Amino acid sequence: MLGKNCLSYAESTLRSLRQFRRGSRTAHRCHIATQTSATPSSKAAGDISSVFPSLTDNVAPPLPPRFAALKARLIAGHEHRLLASWHELLGSLEGEKKIIRARGSALIPEIEYREIDDVQKRTEFRDSLKHRGVGIIRAVVSEREALDWKELLFRYIKTNPGVKGFPADQPTVYELYWSPSQILARAHPNLLRAQAFLMSHWHTADKSTLISTSHPTAYADRLRIRQPGDVSFALGPHIDSGSCERWEEDGYGRGHVYDEIFKGNWQAYDPWESSCRLPVQSDLYNGAGACSVFRMFQGWMSMSETGPGEGTLMVNLLFRKAIAYMLLRPFFQPKKRVDEIEKSEFFRSQNWVLEPEATSLLQGAVPSNCQELNDVLHPHLELGDTMVPVPGVRPGDYVAWHCDTIHAVERLHAGKTDSSVMYIPCCPLTEANARYLVKQREAFWHGAPGPDYPSGEGEGPFRGRLSPDYFMGNVDTEAQRAMGLARFDPSVRGVAIGEREVLASANRILGFN
C-alpha cells in the first residue's frame, strides 16, 4: 500500500514533478533524486535496434561451421523419426492455420482483473491461454491511473530533453527504465497479483524445483509512445530471449528444453514446464538488449486506447507448433524452390527433405540478436495470415505473451491518437533472477540502464527521478521484494519445498542473511 501522505502512485508523483518544474523544494523533501552518476555496463551502447538486424541495414554474416556440427549432433540417431515428425507437423499446421484465418483475434483470451478468482472464468481463460500462448487481463489498474502515468511520462521526457530512443530523431521506443511511471507501475499491487496469476499457469512435476511463481520479480524494460502515422517502429515477427541459443547445447540445451522436438517427437514438447528453463543461458553473446533472465511472459501495460490497425502488438497463435517448426526448419530443405513450382506444391511435405549434409544455417538466427522470422525463411507459418493483432485495449489493460511466442508490431500506426505502453514482463523468483536483481537494484540506485540493456549515462543526471528512499517509503513490502529491496519470508505456509528453499536462497543472494 502507499504511504498515508500520498494520494496515489501517479497523483503524488505528478504533483512532485509539477512543483519541481516550478522550482519548489518539495521535490527534495519527497526524496526525488536529481543528480548521480551511472555505473558502467558490460553491454555495448545502442538502442532497441541493436538486437534487430531488420531495423538496420546490417547484413548478418554466415554462421561459422561449428553450427553445422551442432545440427548434426542434435539429430544424430533420430533422422528417420525427425523426417516423419516434420511431415506430421506440416499437416497439423494446415489445420491450425484454417482456424486462425477464420477467427483471428477472437482466439485471444481475456479476463477482467476483478474476475481472476472466479473459478469458471479463470478456467476458461487458462485453457485458451495454454493453447494460444497470449492473453489479456482487463482493467488491472484504473484508466485514470494509467493515463496519469502517461502524463507523468510526458512531463519527465520534457523535463529531460536528452532522452535517447529509436529512431534517434523522433523516438518511439525510449531508452528509459527508471521514470517514475515505470517504477510505480511495476510496483502496483494489482499488477504484481496479475503477474502471479499468469505465472501460476506454469508447472513442474518436481516440487523441489527452486522457483516461486507467486513472487514476481521486477525487470526494468523500456516504454513505447508511438504517434499516429509512424512507420519507423515496424518490428517484424520475432522471438526474444536468444536466437542461436535455442539450438545450442550451452544455451537452451542446458535444460534440454527442446530435446523432444529434436528427437522427432514435437508433440511431447511442453512449453509450460518450468524446471527445464532454470539452467538456460539465453544470452551467450552479451547482446545489447538480449535478455538473460527467465521471463515466463513478456508483457505490457497499456496507457492508451488502441485497436487493430493502430500500431499495436501482433502475435502468432500457432504457438507451440510454431516454435517446433522454427526449430526444425534448419534441418530441412525443399526439393524444388518456390519459383520452380506452384506454391501449393512447394508447401507439400513431400517437397521437403532432410539436408543431405548439415549446413551452418539457422534461419533468422544471428548471435547477440533476437530470433527473426519471415515468409522466405519460414514459409509454412504463412505469417501474413497467422500473425494477428491483439484486440482493442484501454488504459490499464495488461497484455502478456509466453516467452516462446512469435510477436511483432504493426507496420503502420493508422490511428488518431498515441499508442503507448510500458513493457513489464512476468519473471518468477529463481536463483538466477535473484542474482540479476542484485545488479539491477544497483542500476536503479544510479539511474543506469538495467544489466541486460545498452550501456550509457542513463537517467543518472535526470531531474524528477525517484530515489530508492522515495520508493521504500511509498510502496508495499511485496513491491520492495520484487525489486530485491526487502527480505522474502521463507516461513510462509502452504508452499512447496522448492519454493521455500528459493525464498531462503534469494535472501542470501540479495544479502539479507
Protein backbone atom coordinates (compact mmCIF):
# COMPACT_ATOMS: atom_id res chain seq x y z
CA MET A 1 0.00 0.00 0.00
CA LEU A 2 1.03 3.61 -0.43
CA GLY A 3 2.06 5.84 2.43
CA LYS A 4 -0.82 7.73 4.07
CA ASN A 5 0.66 11.06 2.97
CA CYS A 6 0.33 10.14 -0.71
CA LEU A 7 -2.89 10.25 -2.75
CA SER A 8 -1.95 7.66 -5.40
CA TYR A 9 1.17 6.48 -7.15
CA ALA A 10 0.68 8.71 -10.15
CA GLU A 11 -1.08 11.63 -8.50
CA SER A 12 1.52 12.17 -5.77
CA THR A 13 4.42 11.92 -8.19
CA LEU A 14 2.74 14.20 -10.72
CA ARG A 15 2.36 16.81 -8.00
CA SER A 16 6.02 16.44 -7.08
CA LEU A 17 7.15 16.93 -10.67
CA ARG A 18 4.89 19.92 -11.21
CA GLN A 19 6.33 21.58 -8.12
CA PHE A 20 9.84 20.60 -9.16
CA ARG A 21 9.44 22.31 -12.52
CA ARG A 22 8.19 25.49 -10.74
CA GLY A 23 11.32 25.45 -8.61
CA SER A 24 9.63 24.20 -5.45
CA ARG A 25 11.67 22.50 -2.72
CA THR A 26 9.00 19.82 -2.39
CA ALA A 27 10.79 17.58 -4.84
CA HIS A 28 13.76 17.42 -2.50
CA ARG A 29 11.58 16.72 0.51
CA CYS A 30 9.89 13.85 -1.38
CA HIS A 31 13.31 12.24 -1.97
CA ILE A 32 13.25 12.65 -5.74
CA ALA A 33 16.81 12.13 -6.93
CA THR A 34 18.17 14.83 -9.23
CA GLN A 35 21.86 14.05 -9.64
CA THR A 36 24.00 10.94 -9.54
CA SER A 37 26.43 9.15 -11.84
CA ALA A 38 25.62 5.97 -13.70
CA THR A 39 27.65 2.82 -13.24
CA PRO A 40 29.43 1.21 -16.19
CA SER A 41 27.65 -1.57 -18.08
CA SER A 42 29.19 -4.59 -19.77
CA LYS A 43 26.87 -4.08 -22.75
CA ALA A 44 27.70 -2.05 -25.83
CA ALA A 45 25.96 1.29 -26.31
CA GLY A 46 22.88 1.26 -28.50
CA ASP A 47 19.08 1.20 -28.58
CA ILE A 48 16.33 -1.30 -29.37
CA SER A 49 17.61 -1.65 -32.95
CA SER A 50 20.81 -3.19 -31.57
CA VAL A 51 19.14 -6.62 -31.41
CA PHE A 52 17.04 -6.38 -34.57
CA PRO A 53 19.02 -6.68 -37.82
CA SER A 54 15.81 -5.88 -39.73
CA LEU A 55 15.70 -2.38 -38.18
CA THR A 56 19.12 -1.57 -39.61
CA ASP A 57 20.93 -2.03 -42.90
CA ASN A 58 23.31 -4.54 -41.37
CA VAL A 59 23.71 -7.83 -43.22
CA ALA A 60 24.38 -10.76 -40.92
CA PRO A 61 27.45 -12.82 -41.85
CA PRO A 62 27.07 -16.60 -42.26
CA LEU A 63 27.26 -18.62 -39.07
CA PRO A 64 30.58 -20.45 -38.52
CA PRO A 65 30.97 -24.16 -39.36
CA ARG A 66 30.56 -25.20 -35.73
CA PHE A 67 26.81 -24.74 -36.15
CA ALA A 68 26.75 -27.42 -38.86
CA ALA A 69 28.41 -29.81 -36.42
CA LEU A 70 25.91 -28.76 -33.73
CA LYS A 71 22.95 -29.53 -36.01
CA ALA A 72 24.37 -32.95 -36.83
CA ARG A 73 24.75 -33.76 -33.12
CA LEU A 74 21.22 -32.62 -32.25
CA ILE A 75 19.51 -35.12 -34.54
CA ALA A 76 22.08 -37.94 -34.64
CA GLY A 77 20.25 -41.27 -34.49
CA HIS A 78 16.83 -39.64 -34.87
CA GLU A 79 16.90 -38.74 -38.57
CA HIS A 80 14.11 -41.05 -39.75
CA ARG A 81 11.83 -40.13 -36.86
CA LEU A 82 12.60 -36.45 -37.42
CA LEU A 83 11.50 -36.63 -41.05
CA ALA A 84 8.22 -38.30 -40.09
CA SER A 85 7.72 -35.75 -37.34
CA TRP A 86 8.31 -32.90 -39.80
CA HIS A 87 5.65 -34.27 -42.14
CA GLU A 88 3.21 -34.62 -39.22
CA LEU A 89 3.91 -31.06 -38.13
CA LEU A 90 3.29 -29.60 -41.58
CA GLY A 91 -0.05 -31.37 -41.75
CA SER A 92 -1.02 -30.16 -38.28
CA LEU A 93 -0.09 -26.58 -39.16
CA GLU A 94 -2.58 -26.58 -42.03
CA GLY A 95 -5.49 -27.29 -39.71
CA GLU A 96 -4.45 -24.61 -37.22
CA LYS A 97 -3.99 -22.02 -39.94
CA LYS A 98 -7.57 -22.52 -41.11
CA ILE A 99 -8.85 -21.83 -37.58
CA ILE A 100 -6.72 -18.69 -37.24
CA ARG A 101 -7.81 -17.35 -40.64
CA ALA A 102 -11.45 -17.83 -39.64
CA ARG A 103 -11.37 -16.41 -36.12
CA GLY A 104 -8.26 -14.24 -35.86
CA SER A 105 -8.01 -12.05 -32.77
CA ALA A 106 -11.14 -13.60 -31.27
CA LEU A 107 -8.97 -16.57 -30.28
CA ILE A 108 -7.04 -14.45 -27.77
CA PRO A 109 -8.49 -15.00 -24.28
CA GLU A 110 -9.45 -12.14 -21.98
CA ILE A 111 -10.35 -11.88 -18.32
CA GLU A 112 -11.23 -8.94 -16.11
CA TYR A 113 -8.82 -8.36 -13.25
CA ARG A 114 -11.71 -8.49 -10.79
CA GLU A 115 -12.57 -12.00 -12.08
CA ILE A 116 -9.23 -13.75 -11.68
CA ASP A 117 -10.53 -15.51 -8.54
CA ASP A 118 -13.68 -16.72 -10.32
CA VAL A 119 -13.10 -20.44 -10.89
CA GLN A 120 -15.18 -20.69 -14.06
CA LYS A 121 -13.75 -17.53 -15.62
CA ARG A 122 -10.15 -18.42 -14.84
CA THR A 123 -10.60 -21.98 -16.14
CA GLU A 124 -11.88 -20.70 -19.47
CA PHE A 125 -9.04 -18.21 -19.64
CA ARG A 126 -6.47 -20.87 -18.69
CA ASP A 127 -7.50 -23.31 -21.40
CA SER A 128 -7.20 -20.72 -24.17
CA LEU A 129 -4.03 -19.18 -22.75
CA LYS A 130 -2.25 -22.53 -22.66
CA HIS A 131 -3.28 -23.28 -26.24
CA ARG A 132 -2.54 -19.88 -27.77
CA GLY A 133 0.21 -18.50 -25.52
CA VAL A 134 -1.23 -14.99 -25.14
CA GLY A 135 -3.88 -13.33 -23.01
CA ILE A 136 -5.27 -10.00 -21.84
CA ILE A 137 -6.18 -9.03 -18.29
CA ARG A 138 -8.57 -6.10 -18.42
CA ALA A 139 -8.56 -3.15 -16.01
CA VAL A 140 -5.60 -4.20 -13.89
CA VAL A 141 -5.40 -0.55 -12.88
CA SER A 142 -7.94 2.20 -13.44
CA GLU A 143 -7.93 4.16 -16.68
CA ARG A 144 -7.31 7.34 -14.68
CA GLU A 145 -4.21 5.95 -13.06
CA ALA A 146 -2.80 4.64 -16.34
CA LEU A 147 -3.44 7.99 -18.03
CA ASP A 148 -1.77 9.77 -15.12
CA TRP A 149 1.28 7.57 -15.68
CA LYS A 150 1.34 8.64 -19.32
CA GLU A 151 1.02 12.31 -18.42
CA LEU A 152 3.84 11.86 -15.94
CA LEU A 153 5.98 10.30 -18.68
CA PHE A 154 5.36 13.25 -21.00
CA ARG A 155 6.48 15.61 -18.23
CA TYR A 156 9.53 13.51 -17.40
CA ILE A 157 10.60 13.47 -21.05
CA LYS A 158 10.00 17.20 -21.45
CA THR A 159 11.94 17.95 -18.26
CA ASN A 160 14.89 15.88 -19.55
CA PRO A 161 15.34 16.71 -23.25
CA GLY A 162 18.40 14.47 -23.53
CA VAL A 163 16.31 11.28 -23.51
CA LYS A 164 17.54 8.84 -26.15
CA GLY A 165 15.48 6.40 -28.16
CA PHE A 166 14.72 4.83 -31.52
CA PRO A 167 14.59 6.39 -34.03
CA ALA A 168 17.11 8.94 -32.77
CA ASP A 169 15.39 11.97 -34.33
CA GLN A 170 11.81 11.21 -33.25
CA PRO A 171 11.86 8.41 -30.67
CA THR A 172 9.11 5.85 -30.46
CA VAL A 173 10.88 3.46 -28.07
CA TYR A 174 12.61 5.41 -25.33
CA GLU A 175 15.78 4.36 -23.52
CA LEU A 176 14.02 4.93 -20.22
CA TYR A 177 13.99 2.36 -17.45
CA TRP A 178 13.57 4.34 -14.23
CA SER A 179 10.98 7.01 -14.92
CA PRO A 180 8.54 7.47 -12.04
CA SER A 181 5.74 5.97 -14.13
CA GLN A 182 7.67 2.78 -14.85
CA ILE A 183 8.83 2.35 -11.28
CA LEU A 184 5.36 2.84 -9.86
CA ALA A 185 3.62 0.66 -12.45
CA ARG A 186 5.97 -2.25 -11.71
CA ALA A 187 5.26 -1.78 -8.02
CA HIS A 188 1.47 -1.63 -8.30
CA PRO A 189 -0.08 -4.37 -6.14
CA ASN A 190 -2.70 -5.19 -8.78
CA LEU A 191 -0.04 -5.75 -11.43
CA LEU A 192 2.03 -7.95 -9.12
CA ARG A 193 -1.06 -10.02 -8.40
CA ALA A 194 -1.90 -10.25 -12.11
CA GLN A 195 1.64 -11.42 -12.84
CA ALA A 196 1.46 -14.12 -10.18
CA PHE A 197 -1.88 -15.24 -11.63
CA LEU A 198 -0.38 -15.57 -15.11
CA MET A 199 2.72 -17.40 -13.89
CA SER A 200 0.54 -19.88 -11.97
CA HIS A 201 -0.24 -21.49 -15.34
CA TRP A 202 3.30 -22.85 -15.49
CA HIS A 203 4.06 -26.07 -13.66
CA THR A 204 6.77 -28.51 -12.67
CA ALA A 205 6.48 -32.12 -11.65
CA ASP A 206 9.47 -31.73 -9.33
CA LYS A 207 8.32 -29.99 -6.14
CA SER A 208 11.94 -29.38 -5.15
CA THR A 209 12.50 -27.07 -8.15
CA LEU A 210 13.91 -23.77 -6.88
CA ILE A 211 11.24 -21.45 -8.22
CA SER A 212 8.40 -19.30 -6.95
CA THR A 213 5.73 -18.08 -9.36
CA SER A 214 3.86 -16.38 -6.52
CA HIS A 215 6.72 -13.90 -6.01
CA PRO A 216 7.13 -11.85 -9.21
CA THR A 217 10.49 -10.14 -9.68
CA ALA A 218 10.75 -6.75 -11.34
CA TYR A 219 12.55 -6.41 -14.66
CA ALA A 220 13.28 -2.86 -15.82
CA ASP A 221 12.39 -2.66 -19.51
CA ARG A 222 11.67 0.22 -21.92
CA LEU A 223 8.49 2.02 -22.96
CA ARG A 224 6.85 2.90 -26.26
CA ILE A 225 5.00 6.06 -27.26
CA ARG A 226 4.01 5.65 -30.91
CA GLN A 227 2.42 8.59 -32.68
CA PRO A 228 -0.19 8.36 -35.48
CA GLY A 229 1.34 7.81 -38.90
CA ASP A 230 4.52 6.19 -37.56
CA VAL A 231 6.12 3.55 -39.77
CA SER A 232 9.62 3.57 -38.26
CA PHE A 233 8.92 1.14 -35.41
CA ALA A 234 7.90 -1.75 -37.63
CA LEU A 235 9.25 -4.73 -35.73
CA GLY A 236 8.72 -7.84 -37.82
CA PRO A 237 7.93 -11.29 -36.44
CA HIS A 238 10.50 -12.33 -33.83
CA ILE A 239 11.10 -14.16 -30.58
CA ASP A 240 13.16 -12.66 -27.78
CA SER A 241 15.42 -14.32 -25.21
CA GLY A 242 18.02 -15.66 -27.58
CA SER A 243 18.32 -16.82 -31.16
CA CYS A 244 21.17 -19.28 -31.77
CA GLU A 245 20.93 -20.17 -28.09
CA ARG A 246 17.73 -22.14 -28.71
CA TRP A 247 19.75 -24.76 -30.61
CA GLU A 248 23.00 -24.52 -28.65
CA GLU A 249 23.99 -27.05 -26.02
CA ASP A 250 25.27 -24.27 -23.75
CA GLY A 251 22.07 -22.27 -24.29
CA TYR A 252 18.63 -23.87 -24.01
CA GLY A 253 20.36 -27.21 -24.26
CA ARG A 254 21.49 -26.82 -20.64
CA GLY A 255 17.92 -27.55 -19.59
CA HIS A 256 17.11 -29.89 -22.51
CA VAL A 257 14.15 -27.59 -23.19
CA TYR A 258 13.61 -28.63 -26.80
CA ASP A 259 15.10 -32.15 -26.77
CA GLU A 260 11.82 -33.86 -27.68
CA ILE A 261 11.49 -31.67 -30.75
CA PHE A 262 14.99 -32.54 -31.95
CA LYS A 263 14.28 -36.25 -31.32
CA GLY A 264 11.31 -36.16 -33.68
CA ASN A 265 8.61 -36.01 -31.02
CA TRP A 266 7.41 -32.40 -31.10
CA GLN A 267 4.01 -33.41 -29.73
CA ALA A 268 5.69 -34.20 -26.38
CA TYR A 269 7.17 -30.70 -26.05
CA ASP A 270 5.59 -28.91 -23.06
CA PRO A 271 6.07 -25.13 -23.24
CA TRP A 272 4.68 -24.70 -19.71
CA GLU A 273 7.24 -26.86 -17.86
CA SER A 274 9.38 -24.52 -15.79
CA SER A 275 12.15 -26.63 -14.24
CA CYS A 276 13.93 -27.19 -17.56
CA ARG A 277 14.19 -23.43 -18.09
CA LEU A 278 16.20 -22.72 -14.94
CA PRO A 279 19.64 -23.79 -16.24
CA VAL A 280 19.15 -22.00 -19.60
CA GLN A 281 21.67 -19.42 -20.82
CA SER A 282 19.66 -17.23 -23.18
CA ASP A 283 22.35 -14.59 -23.75
CA LEU A 284 25.58 -16.34 -24.72
CA TYR A 285 26.83 -13.38 -26.77
CA ASN A 286 26.26 -10.42 -24.41
CA GLY A 287 23.90 -8.70 -26.84
CA ALA A 288 22.98 -5.07 -26.17
CA GLY A 289 19.41 -5.74 -25.06
CA ALA A 290 19.45 -9.55 -25.13
CA CYS A 291 17.55 -10.93 -22.14
CA SER A 292 19.46 -13.04 -19.62
CA VAL A 293 16.67 -13.67 -17.09
CA PHE A 294 13.83 -16.18 -17.09
CA ARG A 295 10.77 -14.28 -18.31
CA MET A 296 7.74 -16.58 -18.28
CA PHE A 297 5.76 -13.94 -20.12
CA GLN A 298 6.63 -10.76 -21.89
CA GLY A 299 4.02 -8.10 -21.36
CA TRP A 300 2.98 -4.51 -21.46
CA MET A 301 0.70 -2.16 -19.59
CA SER A 302 -1.47 -0.08 -21.89
CA MET A 303 -1.61 3.68 -21.41
CA SER A 304 -3.87 4.43 -24.37
CA GLU A 305 -6.96 3.26 -26.19
CA THR A 306 -5.56 1.33 -29.14
CA GLY A 307 -7.03 -1.21 -31.54
CA PRO A 308 -6.02 -3.25 -34.56
CA GLY A 309 -4.52 -1.05 -37.27
CA GLU A 310 -3.28 1.47 -34.73
CA GLY A 311 0.31 0.34 -34.32
CA THR A 312 -0.39 -2.41 -31.81
CA LEU A 313 1.11 -5.79 -30.94
CA MET A 314 0.72 -8.77 -33.25
CA VAL A 315 1.07 -12.37 -32.04
CA ASN A 316 1.34 -15.72 -33.75
CA LEU A 317 -1.38 -18.03 -32.47
CA LEU A 318 0.27 -21.21 -33.76
CA PHE A 319 2.34 -21.01 -30.54
CA ARG A 320 3.72 -24.48 -29.70
CA LYS A 321 3.59 -25.68 -33.29
CA ALA A 322 5.29 -22.50 -34.49
CA ILE A 323 8.27 -22.92 -32.14
CA ALA A 324 8.56 -26.58 -33.20
CA TYR A 325 8.55 -25.52 -36.84
CA MET A 326 11.14 -22.78 -36.29
CA LEU A 327 13.48 -25.19 -34.51
CA LEU A 328 13.13 -27.94 -37.13
CA ARG A 329 13.29 -25.67 -40.18
CA PRO A 330 17.15 -25.58 -40.34
CA PHE A 331 17.28 -29.35 -40.83
CA PHE A 332 15.13 -29.38 -43.98
CA GLN A 333 15.27 -28.05 -47.50
CA PRO A 334 12.87 -28.11 -50.46
CA LYS A 335 13.42 -30.40 -53.42
CA LYS A 336 12.14 -27.61 -55.65
CA ARG A 337 12.15 -23.90 -54.88
CA VAL A 338 9.00 -21.80 -54.76
CA ASP A 339 9.93 -20.17 -58.07
CA GLU A 340 10.13 -23.59 -59.76
CA ILE A 341 6.68 -25.00 -58.89
CA GLU A 342 3.21 -23.90 -57.77
CA LYS A 343 3.04 -22.52 -54.24
CA SER A 344 0.76 -25.32 -53.07
CA GLU A 345 3.23 -27.90 -54.34
CA PHE A 346 6.11 -26.07 -52.71
CA PHE A 347 4.33 -26.29 -49.35
CA ARG A 348 3.55 -30.02 -49.61
CA SER A 349 5.51 -32.14 -47.15
CA GLN A 350 6.66 -34.41 -49.97
CA ASN A 351 8.64 -31.49 -51.39
CA TRP A 352 10.76 -31.26 -48.22
CA VAL A 353 13.69 -33.49 -47.28
CA LEU A 354 16.42 -33.56 -44.67
CA GLU A 355 19.59 -31.73 -45.62
CA PRO A 356 21.87 -34.31 -47.25
CA GLU A 357 24.75 -32.73 -45.34
CA ALA A 358 24.33 -30.42 -42.37
CA THR A 359 24.89 -26.73 -43.08
CA SER A 360 25.52 -23.97 -40.56
CA LEU A 361 22.28 -22.20 -41.48
CA LEU A 362 19.83 -21.38 -38.69
CA GLN A 363 17.18 -19.37 -40.49
CA GLY A 364 16.76 -15.94 -38.88
CA ALA A 365 19.23 -16.56 -36.05
CA VAL A 366 22.11 -14.13 -35.51
CA PRO A 367 24.36 -14.25 -32.40
CA SER A 368 23.53 -11.49 -29.87
CA ASN A 369 20.26 -10.69 -31.67
CA CYS A 370 16.63 -11.66 -31.42
CA GLN A 371 15.33 -14.57 -33.46
CA GLU A 372 13.63 -13.10 -36.53
CA LEU A 373 11.20 -14.87 -38.84
CA ASN A 374 9.80 -14.13 -42.28
CA ASP A 375 7.89 -15.77 -45.12
CA VAL A 376 11.02 -16.52 -47.13
CA LEU A 377 12.82 -18.35 -44.34
CA HIS A 378 9.76 -19.85 -42.64
CA PRO A 379 7.21 -20.29 -45.44
CA HIS A 380 4.85 -22.82 -43.83
CA LEU A 381 3.98 -20.43 -40.98
CA GLU A 382 2.31 -18.09 -43.51
CA LEU A 383 2.95 -15.20 -41.16
CA GLY A 384 0.74 -12.85 -43.14
CA ASP A 385 -2.24 -14.94 -42.01
CA THR A 386 -1.15 -16.27 -38.62
CA MET A 387 0.17 -13.03 -37.10
CA VAL A 388 -2.93 -11.35 -35.67
CA PRO A 389 -3.29 -8.04 -33.81
CA VAL A 390 -4.37 -8.14 -30.20
CA PRO A 391 -7.94 -6.91 -29.64
CA GLY A 392 -8.52 -3.30 -28.70
CA VAL A 393 -7.13 -2.26 -25.33
CA ARG A 394 -7.81 0.61 -22.97
CA PRO A 395 -5.54 2.33 -20.44
CA GLY A 396 -4.93 -0.04 -17.53
CA ASP A 397 -5.20 -3.28 -19.54
CA TYR A 398 -2.28 -5.72 -19.33
CA VAL A 399 -1.28 -7.89 -22.31
CA ALA A 400 1.04 -10.88 -21.81
CA TRP A 401 2.53 -13.46 -24.15
CA HIS A 402 4.55 -16.64 -23.48
CA CYS A 403 8.33 -16.37 -23.90
CA ASP A 404 8.20 -18.77 -26.91
CA THR A 405 5.58 -16.70 -28.75
CA ILE A 406 6.38 -15.13 -32.11
CA HIS A 407 5.30 -11.50 -31.98
CA ALA A 408 5.60 -8.28 -33.97
CA VAL A 409 4.38 -4.69 -34.15
CA GLU A 410 2.01 -3.47 -36.82
CA ARG A 411 3.91 -1.72 -39.60
CA LEU A 412 1.71 1.38 -39.66
CA HIS A 413 0.01 3.27 -36.86
CA ALA A 414 -3.11 4.39 -38.71
CA GLY A 415 -4.94 5.60 -35.61
CA LYS A 416 -5.61 9.16 -34.46
CA THR A 417 -4.00 9.13 -31.00
CA ASP A 418 -0.81 7.79 -29.48
CA SER A 419 -0.27 4.05 -28.95
CA SER A 420 1.61 3.94 -25.66
CA VAL A 421 2.71 1.05 -23.46
CA MET A 422 5.20 0.26 -20.70
CA TYR A 423 6.96 -3.07 -21.23
CA ILE A 424 6.63 -5.06 -17.99
CA PRO A 425 7.28 -8.83 -18.20
CA CYS A 426 6.38 -11.59 -15.73
CA CYS A 427 9.51 -13.03 -14.10
CA PRO A 428 9.42 -15.67 -11.35
CA LEU A 429 11.76 -15.75 -8.39
CA THR A 430 14.68 -18.05 -9.16
CA GLU A 431 18.28 -18.02 -8.03
CA ALA A 432 19.42 -16.67 -11.40
CA ASN A 433 16.74 -13.98 -11.37
CA ALA A 434 17.75 -13.04 -7.82
CA ARG A 435 21.34 -12.61 -8.98
CA TYR A 436 20.07 -10.32 -11.71
CA LEU A 437 18.16 -8.30 -9.08
CA VAL A 438 21.44 -7.65 -7.26
CA LYS A 439 22.84 -5.93 -10.34
CA GLN A 440 19.56 -4.29 -11.30
CA ARG A 441 18.99 -2.63 -7.93
CA GLU A 442 22.47 -1.10 -8.23
CA ALA A 443 21.44 0.25 -11.63
CA PHE A 444 18.26 1.62 -10.01
CA TRP A 445 20.31 3.45 -7.42
CA HIS A 446 22.46 5.10 -10.07
CA GLY A 447 19.80 5.59 -12.73
CA ALA A 448 21.73 3.35 -15.13
CA PRO A 449 20.14 1.03 -17.72
CA GLY A 450 19.43 -2.46 -16.43
CA PRO A 451 22.23 -5.04 -16.78
CA ASP A 452 20.69 -6.54 -19.95
CA TYR A 453 20.45 -3.23 -21.77
CA PRO A 454 22.79 -0.97 -23.77
CA SER A 455 25.31 0.92 -21.67
CA GLY A 456 25.37 4.70 -21.35
CA GLU A 457 24.86 7.53 -18.91
CA GLY A 458 21.23 6.58 -18.50
CA GLU A 459 18.98 8.63 -16.24
CA GLY A 460 21.60 9.37 -13.59
CA PRO A 461 21.53 13.16 -14.09
CA PHE A 462 17.80 13.35 -14.91
CA ARG A 463 15.56 15.64 -12.93
CA GLY A 464 12.46 14.14 -11.40
CA ARG A 465 13.85 10.63 -10.96
CA LEU A 466 12.53 8.78 -7.91
CA SER A 467 15.11 7.79 -5.35
CA PRO A 468 15.20 4.44 -3.53
CA ASP A 469 14.21 6.33 -0.35
CA TYR A 470 11.03 7.56 -2.00
CA PHE A 471 10.33 4.07 -3.34
CA MET A 472 10.83 2.38 0.02
CA GLY A 473 8.60 4.90 1.74
CA ASN A 474 5.70 4.69 -0.67
CA VAL A 475 5.24 1.11 -1.88
CA ASP A 476 4.31 -2.04 -0.01
CA THR A 477 6.56 -4.91 1.00
CA GLU A 478 5.74 -7.13 -1.97
CA ALA A 479 6.83 -4.41 -4.38
CA GLN A 480 10.03 -3.90 -2.40
CA ARG A 481 10.71 -7.65 -2.58
CA ALA A 482 10.10 -7.66 -6.32
CA MET A 483 12.89 -5.09 -6.67
CA GLY A 484 15.26 -7.02 -4.39
CA LEU A 485 14.98 -4.31 -1.73
CA ALA A 486 13.28 -6.30 1.04
CA ARG A 487 13.67 -9.74 2.55
CA PHE A 488 11.46 -12.64 1.44
CA ASP A 489 9.65 -14.70 4.07
CA PRO A 490 10.71 -18.38 3.84
CA SER A 491 8.43 -19.29 6.75
CA VAL A 492 5.27 -18.76 4.69
CA ARG A 493 2.98 -21.78 4.95
CA GLY A 494 1.46 -23.98 2.27
CA VAL A 495 4.24 -23.79 -0.32
CA ALA A 496 6.30 -26.50 -1.98
CA ILE A 497 9.73 -27.28 -0.57
CA GLY A 498 11.43 -25.83 -3.64
CA GLU A 499 9.62 -22.52 -3.28
CA ARG A 500 10.53 -22.30 0.40
CA GLU A 501 14.17 -23.01 -0.40
CA VAL A 502 14.36 -20.43 -3.20
CA LEU A 503 12.96 -17.76 -0.86
CA ALA A 504 15.77 -18.51 1.60
CA SER A 505 18.37 -18.73 -1.16
CA ALA A 506 17.24 -15.41 -2.67
CA ASN A 507 17.68 -13.75 0.72
CA ARG A 508 21.27 -14.95 0.83
CA ILE A 509 21.96 -13.82 -2.74
CA LEU A 510 20.43 -10.40 -2.02
CA GLY A 511 22.45 -10.02 1.16
CA PHE A 512 19.62 -10.23 3.69
CA ASN A 513 21.12 -13.12 5.71
